[in-house]
Amino acid sequence: MYLDRHCQRTKDIFGKDYREIHEFLDRHFDAAAMERWSMLTSGDYYPGERRPDPFAHRKIEHHREGISAIVEHFKDRFDPDIVCKIAIMHIEDDYNGYLPSKVDFEDQAFLRKYHA
């Protein structure tokens, strides 16, 4: 899900978009690499150019075990209960209602289902 959609959903439910939390969750997404790859492959075909993995950032904190790090990071700025709820919602939105665990990111069936 795109950042603006995460923020809009959060605003609809919590009355505020909590953009900072969503940006923090997605901070490891390499937008520059995706843009570069997109520009290289939009015209001529570059057989040696590997597509960056747009989902690679998710294995860092997009799982049950990562939620505590998000809550800890924002504990002095927002109510921890709200941060936890928003982090869970963000992750579940990215995984069609599923909240993965860290071990899921080592499971090829999971990766094929959600990262294909």
N, C-alpha and C. Protein backbone atom coordinates (compact mmCIF):
# COMPACT_ATOMS: atom_id res chain seq x y z
N MET A 1 0.85 -1.17 0.00
CA MET A 1 0.00 0.00 0.00
C MET A 1 0.90 1.24 0.00
N TYR A 2 0.47 2.24 -0.70
CA TYR A 2 1.24 3.48 -0.78
C TYR A 2 1.07 4.30 0.50
N LEU A 3 2.08 5.12 0.78
CA LEU A 3 2.10 5.93 2.00
C LEU A 3 0.84 6.77 2.18
N ASP A 4 0.40 7.43 1.14
CA ASP A 4 -0.79 8.28 1.27
C ASP A 4 -2.03 7.48 1.63
N ARG A 5 -2.13 6.26 1.14
CA ARG A 5 -3.28 5.41 1.50
C ARG A 5 -3.20 4.97 2.95
N HIS A 6 -1.99 4.61 3.42
CA HIS A 6 -1.81 4.28 4.83
C HIS A 6 -2.27 5.45 5.69
N CYS A 7 -1.81 6.64 5.34
CA CYS A 7 -2.12 7.84 6.12
C CYS A 7 -3.62 8.15 6.10
N GLN A 8 -4.25 8.01 4.96
CA GLN A 8 -5.68 8.30 4.86
C GLN A 8 -6.49 7.32 5.70
N ARG A 9 -6.12 6.05 5.65
CA ARG A 9 -6.83 5.05 6.45
C ARG A 9 -6.68 5.35 7.94
N THR A 10 -5.47 5.71 8.34
CA THR A 10 -5.23 6.03 9.74
C THR A 10 -6.03 7.27 10.15
N LYS A 11 -6.08 8.26 9.28
CA LYS A 11 -6.84 9.47 9.58
C LYS A 11 -8.33 9.15 9.72
N ASP A 12 -8.84 8.30 8.84
CA ASP A 12 -10.25 7.92 8.89
C ASP A 12 -10.59 7.22 10.20
N ILE A 13 -9.67 6.42 10.71
CA ILE A 13 -9.93 5.64 11.92
C ILE A 13 -9.55 6.38 13.20
N PHE A 14 -8.40 7.06 13.19
CA PHE A 14 -7.89 7.68 14.42
C PHE A 14 -8.00 9.20 14.45
N GLY A 15 -8.45 9.80 13.33
CA GLY A 15 -8.61 11.24 13.30
C GLY A 15 -7.34 12.02 12.98
N LYS A 16 -6.24 11.33 12.80
CA LYS A 16 -4.96 11.94 12.47
C LYS A 16 -4.21 10.95 11.58
N ASP A 17 -3.40 11.46 10.66
CA ASP A 17 -2.77 10.53 9.70
C ASP A 17 -1.52 9.82 10.24
N TYR A 18 -0.92 10.32 11.29
CA TYR A 18 0.27 9.71 11.89
C TYR A 18 1.30 9.34 10.82
N ARG A 19 1.52 10.26 9.90
CA ARG A 19 2.45 10.05 8.79
C ARG A 19 3.84 9.63 9.29
N GLU A 20 4.26 10.21 10.41
CA GLU A 20 5.60 9.90 10.93
C GLU A 20 5.78 8.40 11.19
N ILE A 21 4.73 7.77 11.70
CA ILE A 21 4.81 6.34 12.00
C ILE A 21 4.90 5.54 10.71
N HIS A 22 4.08 5.89 9.74
CA HIS A 22 4.11 5.18 8.45
C HIS A 22 5.44 5.39 7.73
N GLU A 23 5.95 6.59 7.76
CA GLU A 23 7.25 6.86 7.13
C GLU A 23 8.36 6.08 7.82
N PHE A 24 8.28 5.99 9.14
CA PHE A 24 9.29 5.25 9.89
C PHE A 24 9.25 3.77 9.51
N LEU A 25 8.06 3.20 9.41
CA LEU A 25 7.94 1.80 9.02
C LEU A 25 8.52 1.54 7.63
N ASP A 26 8.37 2.47 6.74
CA ASP A 26 8.83 2.29 5.36
C ASP A 26 10.16 2.99 5.07
N ARG A 27 10.87 3.40 6.09
CA ARG A 27 12.09 4.20 5.90
C ARG A 27 13.20 3.45 5.17
N HIS A 28 13.17 2.14 5.16
CA HIS A 28 14.21 1.37 4.48
C HIS A 28 13.87 1.06 3.02
N PHE A 29 12.70 1.49 2.58
CA PHE A 29 12.33 1.28 1.18
C PHE A 29 13.26 2.14 0.31
N ASP A 30 13.85 1.53 -0.69
CA ASP A 30 14.82 2.23 -1.54
C ASP A 30 14.13 2.80 -2.77
N ALA A 31 13.49 3.93 -2.60
CA ALA A 31 12.75 4.58 -3.69
C ALA A 31 13.68 4.99 -4.81
N ALA A 32 14.88 5.42 -4.48
CA ALA A 32 15.82 5.88 -5.51
C ALA A 32 16.22 4.71 -6.43
N ALA A 33 16.46 3.55 -5.85
CA ALA A 33 16.82 2.38 -6.66
C ALA A 33 15.66 1.96 -7.55
N MET A 34 14.44 2.02 -7.02
CA MET A 34 13.27 1.66 -7.83
C MET A 34 13.08 2.65 -8.96
N GLU A 35 13.28 3.92 -8.69
CA GLU A 35 13.15 4.95 -9.72
C GLU A 35 14.21 4.77 -10.80
N ARG A 36 15.43 4.51 -10.38
CA ARG A 36 16.53 4.29 -11.33
C ARG A 36 16.23 3.10 -12.22
N TRP A 37 15.81 2.01 -11.62
CA TRP A 37 15.49 0.81 -12.39
C TRP A 37 14.34 1.08 -13.36
N SER A 38 13.34 1.79 -12.90
CA SER A 38 12.19 2.12 -13.73
C SER A 38 12.60 2.96 -14.94
N MET A 39 13.48 3.92 -14.72
CA MET A 39 13.94 4.77 -15.82
C MET A 39 14.78 3.97 -16.81
N LEU A 40 15.62 3.07 -16.31
CA LEU A 40 16.48 2.26 -17.18
C LEU A 40 15.67 1.30 -18.05
N THR A 41 14.61 0.76 -17.50
CA THR A 41 13.87 -0.28 -18.21
C THR A 41 12.64 0.25 -18.93
N SER A 42 12.37 1.54 -18.81
CA SER A 42 11.16 2.07 -19.45
C SER A 42 11.32 2.20 -20.97
N GLY A 43 12.53 2.31 -21.44
CA GLY A 43 12.77 2.42 -22.88
C GLY A 43 13.37 1.13 -23.39
N ASP A 44 14.67 1.14 -23.52
CA ASP A 44 15.37 -0.05 -23.98
C ASP A 44 15.45 -1.08 -22.86
N TYR A 45 15.60 -2.31 -23.28
CA TYR A 45 15.74 -3.40 -22.32
C TYR A 45 17.20 -3.55 -21.92
N TYR A 46 17.44 -3.60 -20.64
CA TYR A 46 18.79 -3.76 -20.10
C TYR A 46 18.87 -5.12 -19.42
N PRO A 47 19.33 -6.14 -20.13
CA PRO A 47 19.32 -7.49 -19.58
C PRO A 47 20.20 -7.67 -18.34
N GLY A 48 21.21 -6.86 -18.14
CA GLY A 48 22.08 -7.00 -16.98
C GLY A 48 21.58 -6.28 -15.75
N GLU A 49 20.56 -5.50 -15.89
CA GLU A 49 20.06 -4.69 -14.78
C GLU A 49 19.03 -5.48 -13.98
N ARG A 50 19.37 -5.79 -12.74
CA ARG A 50 18.45 -6.53 -11.86
C ARG A 50 17.46 -5.59 -11.22
N ARG A 51 16.23 -6.01 -11.18
CA ARG A 51 15.17 -5.22 -10.54
C ARG A 51 15.40 -5.22 -9.02
N PRO A 52 15.41 -4.05 -8.40
CA PRO A 52 15.52 -4.01 -6.93
C PRO A 52 14.28 -4.67 -6.32
N ASP A 53 14.44 -5.23 -5.16
CA ASP A 53 13.32 -5.86 -4.47
C ASP A 53 12.52 -4.80 -3.73
N PRO A 54 11.31 -4.49 -4.20
CA PRO A 54 10.52 -3.44 -3.54
C PRO A 54 10.02 -3.86 -2.16
N PHE A 55 10.15 -5.13 -1.83
CA PHE A 55 9.66 -5.63 -0.55
C PHE A 55 10.76 -5.88 0.47
N ALA A 56 12.00 -5.68 0.08
CA ALA A 56 13.13 -6.00 0.96
C ALA A 56 13.05 -5.27 2.30
N HIS A 57 12.56 -4.05 2.30
CA HIS A 57 12.49 -3.27 3.54
C HIS A 57 11.53 -3.87 4.56
N ARG A 58 10.58 -4.65 4.10
CA ARG A 58 9.57 -5.18 5.00
C ARG A 58 10.11 -6.19 5.99
N LYS A 59 11.16 -6.91 5.63
CA LYS A 59 11.66 -7.93 6.55
C LYS A 59 12.30 -7.33 7.80
N ILE A 60 12.55 -6.03 7.79
CA ILE A 60 13.18 -5.39 8.95
C ILE A 60 12.20 -5.21 10.11
N GLU A 61 11.01 -4.66 9.83
CA GLU A 61 10.06 -4.42 10.93
C GLU A 61 8.60 -4.68 10.56
N HIS A 62 8.33 -5.16 9.38
CA HIS A 62 6.94 -5.44 8.98
C HIS A 62 6.52 -6.84 9.45
N HIS A 63 6.58 -7.05 10.78
CA HIS A 63 6.21 -8.33 11.37
C HIS A 63 5.92 -8.11 12.85
N ARG A 64 5.31 -9.13 13.46
CA ARG A 64 4.93 -9.04 14.88
C ARG A 64 6.09 -8.59 15.77
N GLU A 65 7.24 -9.18 15.54
CA GLU A 65 8.39 -8.89 16.39
C GLU A 65 8.93 -7.47 16.20
N GLY A 66 8.65 -6.85 15.07
CA GLY A 66 9.13 -5.50 14.80
C GLY A 66 8.29 -4.40 15.43
N ILE A 67 7.09 -4.75 15.84
CA ILE A 67 6.17 -3.74 16.38
C ILE A 67 6.73 -3.08 17.63
N SER A 68 7.38 -3.85 18.47
CA SER A 68 7.92 -3.28 19.72
C SER A 68 8.97 -2.20 19.43
N ALA A 69 9.74 -2.36 18.36
CA ALA A 69 10.74 -1.34 18.00
C ALA A 69 10.05 -0.05 17.56
N ILE A 70 8.94 -0.17 16.88
CA ILE A 70 8.19 1.01 16.44
C ILE A 70 7.62 1.72 17.66
N VAL A 71 7.01 0.96 18.55
CA VAL A 71 6.44 1.54 19.77
C VAL A 71 7.54 2.21 20.59
N GLU A 72 8.66 1.57 20.73
CA GLU A 72 9.78 2.12 21.50
C GLU A 72 10.27 3.43 20.88
N HIS A 73 10.38 3.47 19.56
CA HIS A 73 10.86 4.66 18.88
C HIS A 73 9.96 5.87 19.13
N PHE A 74 8.66 5.65 19.18
CA PHE A 74 7.71 6.75 19.30
C PHE A 74 7.14 6.94 20.71
N LYS A 75 7.68 6.23 21.69
CA LYS A 75 7.09 6.25 23.03
C LYS A 75 7.01 7.63 23.67
N ASP A 76 7.91 8.53 23.30
CA ASP A 76 7.89 9.87 23.90
C ASP A 76 7.05 10.86 23.10
N ARG A 77 6.56 10.44 21.95
CA ARG A 77 5.79 11.35 21.09
C ARG A 77 4.31 11.01 21.01
N PHE A 78 4.00 9.71 21.07
CA PHE A 78 2.61 9.27 20.92
C PHE A 78 2.29 8.20 21.96
N ASP A 79 1.01 8.04 22.23
CA ASP A 79 0.55 6.99 23.13
C ASP A 79 0.98 5.63 22.55
N PRO A 80 1.69 4.82 23.34
CA PRO A 80 2.18 3.53 22.84
C PRO A 80 1.08 2.63 22.29
N ASP A 81 -0.12 2.69 22.88
CA ASP A 81 -1.22 1.87 22.40
C ASP A 81 -1.63 2.27 20.97
N ILE A 82 -1.65 3.58 20.72
CA ILE A 82 -1.99 4.08 19.37
C ILE A 82 -0.89 3.66 18.38
N VAL A 83 0.37 3.81 18.77
CA VAL A 83 1.48 3.44 17.89
C VAL A 83 1.38 1.96 17.53
N CYS A 84 1.12 1.14 18.51
CA CYS A 84 0.99 -0.30 18.29
C CYS A 84 -0.15 -0.59 17.30
N LYS A 85 -1.29 0.01 17.52
CA LYS A 85 -2.44 -0.20 16.63
C LYS A 85 -2.14 0.25 15.20
N ILE A 86 -1.49 1.39 15.06
CA ILE A 86 -1.17 1.91 13.73
C ILE A 86 -0.14 1.02 13.04
N ALA A 87 0.87 0.57 13.77
CA ALA A 87 1.88 -0.31 13.19
C ALA A 87 1.24 -1.62 12.72
N ILE A 88 0.37 -2.19 13.54
CA ILE A 88 -0.32 -3.42 13.15
C ILE A 88 -1.18 -3.18 11.92
N MET A 89 -1.93 -2.09 11.92
CA MET A 89 -2.78 -1.79 10.77
C MET A 89 -1.94 -1.61 9.50
N HIS A 90 -0.85 -0.89 9.60
CA HIS A 90 0.04 -0.66 8.45
C HIS A 90 0.51 -2.00 7.87
N ILE A 91 1.00 -2.86 8.75
CA ILE A 91 1.52 -4.15 8.30
C ILE A 91 0.41 -5.02 7.73
N GLU A 92 -0.72 -5.09 8.42
CA GLU A 92 -1.84 -5.90 7.91
C GLU A 92 -2.35 -5.35 6.58
N ASP A 93 -2.35 -4.05 6.41
CA ASP A 93 -2.77 -3.47 5.13
C ASP A 93 -1.80 -3.89 4.02
N ASP A 94 -0.53 -3.98 4.33
CA ASP A 94 0.45 -4.41 3.33
C ASP A 94 0.33 -5.90 3.01
N TYR A 95 -0.25 -6.66 3.94
CA TYR A 95 -0.35 -8.11 3.77
C TYR A 95 -1.80 -8.61 3.76
N ASN A 96 -2.68 -7.80 3.23
CA ASN A 96 -4.08 -8.21 3.04
C ASN A 96 -4.71 -8.81 4.30
N GLY A 97 -4.47 -8.15 5.43
CA GLY A 97 -5.08 -8.57 6.68
C GLY A 97 -4.24 -9.54 7.51
N TYR A 98 -3.14 -9.98 6.98
CA TYR A 98 -2.27 -10.92 7.68
C TYR A 98 -1.17 -10.17 8.42
N LEU A 99 -0.87 -10.60 9.64
CA LEU A 99 0.23 -10.02 10.42
C LEU A 99 1.35 -11.06 10.49
N PRO A 100 2.35 -10.94 9.62
CA PRO A 100 3.40 -11.96 9.58
C PRO A 100 4.31 -11.93 10.81
N SER A 101 4.99 -13.03 11.00
CA SER A 101 6.04 -13.08 12.01
C SER A 101 7.37 -13.00 11.26
N LYS A 102 8.43 -12.80 11.98
CA LYS A 102 9.75 -12.65 11.36
C LYS A 102 10.13 -13.89 10.56
N VAL A 103 9.76 -15.04 11.06
CA VAL A 103 10.11 -16.30 10.39
C VAL A 103 9.40 -16.44 9.03
N ASP A 104 8.27 -15.78 8.85
CA ASP A 104 7.56 -15.83 7.56
C ASP A 104 8.46 -15.36 6.42
N PHE A 105 9.36 -14.44 6.69
CA PHE A 105 10.21 -13.89 5.65
C PHE A 105 11.30 -14.86 5.17
N GLU A 106 11.37 -16.01 5.83
CA GLU A 106 12.27 -17.08 5.39
C GLU A 106 11.50 -18.17 4.65
N ASP A 107 10.17 -18.05 4.59
CA ASP A 107 9.29 -19.04 3.98
C ASP A 107 9.01 -18.67 2.53
N GLN A 108 9.45 -19.51 1.62
CA GLN A 108 9.28 -19.22 0.19
C GLN A 108 7.82 -19.13 -0.23
N ALA A 109 6.94 -19.90 0.39
CA ALA A 109 5.52 -19.84 0.06
C ALA A 109 4.95 -18.46 0.44
N PHE A 110 5.34 -17.97 1.60
CA PHE A 110 4.92 -16.63 2.03
C PHE A 110 5.43 -15.58 1.06
N LEU A 111 6.71 -15.66 0.70
CA LEU A 111 7.30 -14.68 -0.20
C LEU A 111 6.64 -14.71 -1.58
N ARG A 112 6.34 -15.89 -2.09
CA ARG A 112 5.65 -16.00 -3.38
C ARG A 112 4.24 -15.40 -3.30
N LYS A 113 3.56 -15.66 -2.19
CA LYS A 113 2.18 -15.19 -2.04
C LYS A 113 2.11 -13.65 -1.93
N TYR A 114 2.99 -13.08 -1.14
CA TYR A 114 2.88 -11.65 -0.84
C TYR A 114 3.90 -10.75 -1.54
N HIS A 115 4.95 -11.31 -2.08
CA HIS A 115 6.00 -10.49 -2.68
C HIS A 115 6.20 -10.75 -4.16
N ALA A 116 5.29 -11.44 -4.77
CA ALA A 116 5.43 -11.76 -6.20
C ALA A 116 4.98 -10.60 -7.06
